[in-house]
C-alpha cells in the first residue's frame, strides 16, 4: 500500500512541477498553470497519508499546509483569466 501511495503522490508532484516549468513566464499559458495546481491538489492526500502512517506529524502538517496556498493560487489565476475574457467581450 505504501508503494502505491508513493507512486500516486510522486507522479502527481512531478507532473505539477513539469506543468509549472512550462507555464513559467508565459502569460498565455495560464491554463497550464491551473492544471498544475489541480494536479498538485490530487497528489497531496497520498503524501499526507504516508507521513501520518509514519507518525511524522510535522511534515504531514507542512504538506497539508500547502493546500490553502494552492487553492488561493488556483482562484487567483482563474479570476485573472475570467477578467481578461470579460474585458475582451467589451472590446
Protein backbone atom coordinates (compact mmCIF):
# COMPACT_ATOMS: atom_id res chain seq x y z
CA UNK A 1 0.00 0.00 0.00
CA UNK A 2 2.83 2.36 0.84
CA UNK A 3 4.39 1.86 -2.59
CA UNK A 4 1.11 2.65 -4.33
CA UNK A 5 0.77 5.87 -2.32
CA UNK A 6 4.35 6.84 -3.16
CA UNK A 7 3.76 6.28 -6.87
CA UNK A 8 0.47 8.19 -6.72
CA UNK A 9 1.93 11.17 -4.84
CA UNK A 10 5.19 11.17 -6.78
CA UNK A 11 3.57 11.16 -10.20
CA UNK A 12 1.22 13.99 -9.34
CA UNK A 13 4.02 16.02 -7.72
CA UNK A 14 6.33 15.51 -10.70
CA UNK A 15 3.56 16.38 -13.15
CA UNK A 16 2.85 19.53 -11.14
CA UNK A 17 6.48 20.64 -11.35
CA UNK A 18 6.67 19.93 -15.09
CA UNK A 19 3.49 21.90 -15.78
CA UNK A 20 4.71 24.81 -13.66
CA UNK A 21 8.02 24.81 -15.53
CA UNK A 22 6.20 25.00 -18.87
CA UNK A 23 3.90 27.80 -17.71
CA UNK A 24 6.57 29.94 -16.03
CA UNK A 25 6.97 33.40 -17.54
CA UNK A 26 4.37 32.87 -20.25
CA UNK A 27 1.19 34.87 -19.62
CA UNK A 28 -0.71 32.99 -22.34
CA UNK A 29 -0.13 29.67 -20.54
CA UNK A 30 -2.32 30.33 -17.51
CA UNK A 31 -4.45 27.26 -18.24
CA UNK A 32 -1.38 25.05 -17.90
CA UNK A 33 -0.74 26.64 -14.50
CA UNK A 34 -4.34 25.93 -13.44
CA UNK A 35 -3.92 22.29 -14.43
CA UNK A 36 -0.66 22.21 -12.45
CA UNK A 37 -2.36 23.41 -9.30
CA UNK A 38 -5.19 20.91 -9.68
CA UNK A 39 -2.70 18.07 -10.23
CA UNK A 40 -0.83 19.05 -7.06
CA UNK A 41 -4.07 19.01 -5.07
CA UNK A 42 -4.80 15.47 -6.26
CA UNK A 43 -1.36 14.30 -5.11
CA UNK A 44 -1.34 15.83 -1.62
CA UNK A 45 -3.56 13.22 0.09
CA UNK A 46 -1.13 10.43 -0.78
CA UNK A 47 1.80 12.24 0.85
CA UNK A 48 -0.22 13.20 3.89
CA UNK A 49 -1.34 9.57 4.37
CA UNK A 50 2.24 8.32 4.03
CA UNK A 51 3.59 10.87 6.51
CA UNK A 52 0.82 10.26 9.04
CA UNK A 53 1.31 6.49 8.80
CA UNK A 54 4.97 7.04 9.73
CA UNK A 55 3.87 9.30 12.60
CA UNK A 56 5.65 12.27 11.05
CA UNK A 57 3.06 14.82 12.10
CA UNK A 58 5.10 17.96 11.44
CA UNK A 59 5.91 17.01 7.85
CA UNK A 60 2.29 15.98 7.27
CA UNK A 61 1.03 19.32 8.54
CA UNK A 62 3.53 21.21 6.38
CA UNK A 63 2.47 19.23 3.32
CA UNK A 64 -1.22 19.76 4.09
CA UNK A 65 -0.48 23.45 4.72
CA UNK A 66 0.29 23.85 1.03
CA UNK A 67 -3.34 23.16 0.14
CA UNK A 68 -4.68 26.65 1.03
CA UNK A 69 -1.85 28.31 -0.89
CA UNK A 70 -2.58 26.18 -3.94
CA UNK A 71 -6.30 26.88 -3.71
CA UNK A 72 -5.65 30.64 -3.50
CA UNK A 73 -3.26 30.47 -6.46
CA UNK A 74 -5.82 28.49 -8.42
CA UNK A 75 -8.54 31.01 -7.55
CA UNK A 76 -6.30 33.97 -8.40
CA UNK A 77 -5.32 32.57 -11.80
CA UNK A 78 -8.90 31.62 -12.62
CA UNK A 79 -10.17 35.12 -11.75
CA UNK A 80 -7.48 36.76 -13.89
CA UNK A 81 -8.43 34.61 -16.88
CA UNK A 82 -12.12 35.35 -16.32
CA UNK A 83 -11.46 39.11 -16.09
CA UNK A 84 -9.50 39.05 -19.36
CA UNK A 85 -12.37 37.25 -21.08
CA UNK A 86 -14.86 39.86 -19.84
CA UNK A 87 -12.52 42.67 -20.94
CA UNK A 88 -12.23 41.15 -24.42
CA UNK A 89 -16.01 40.90 -24.73
CA UNK A 90 -16.34 44.64 -24.06
CA UNK A 91 -13.79 45.48 -26.76
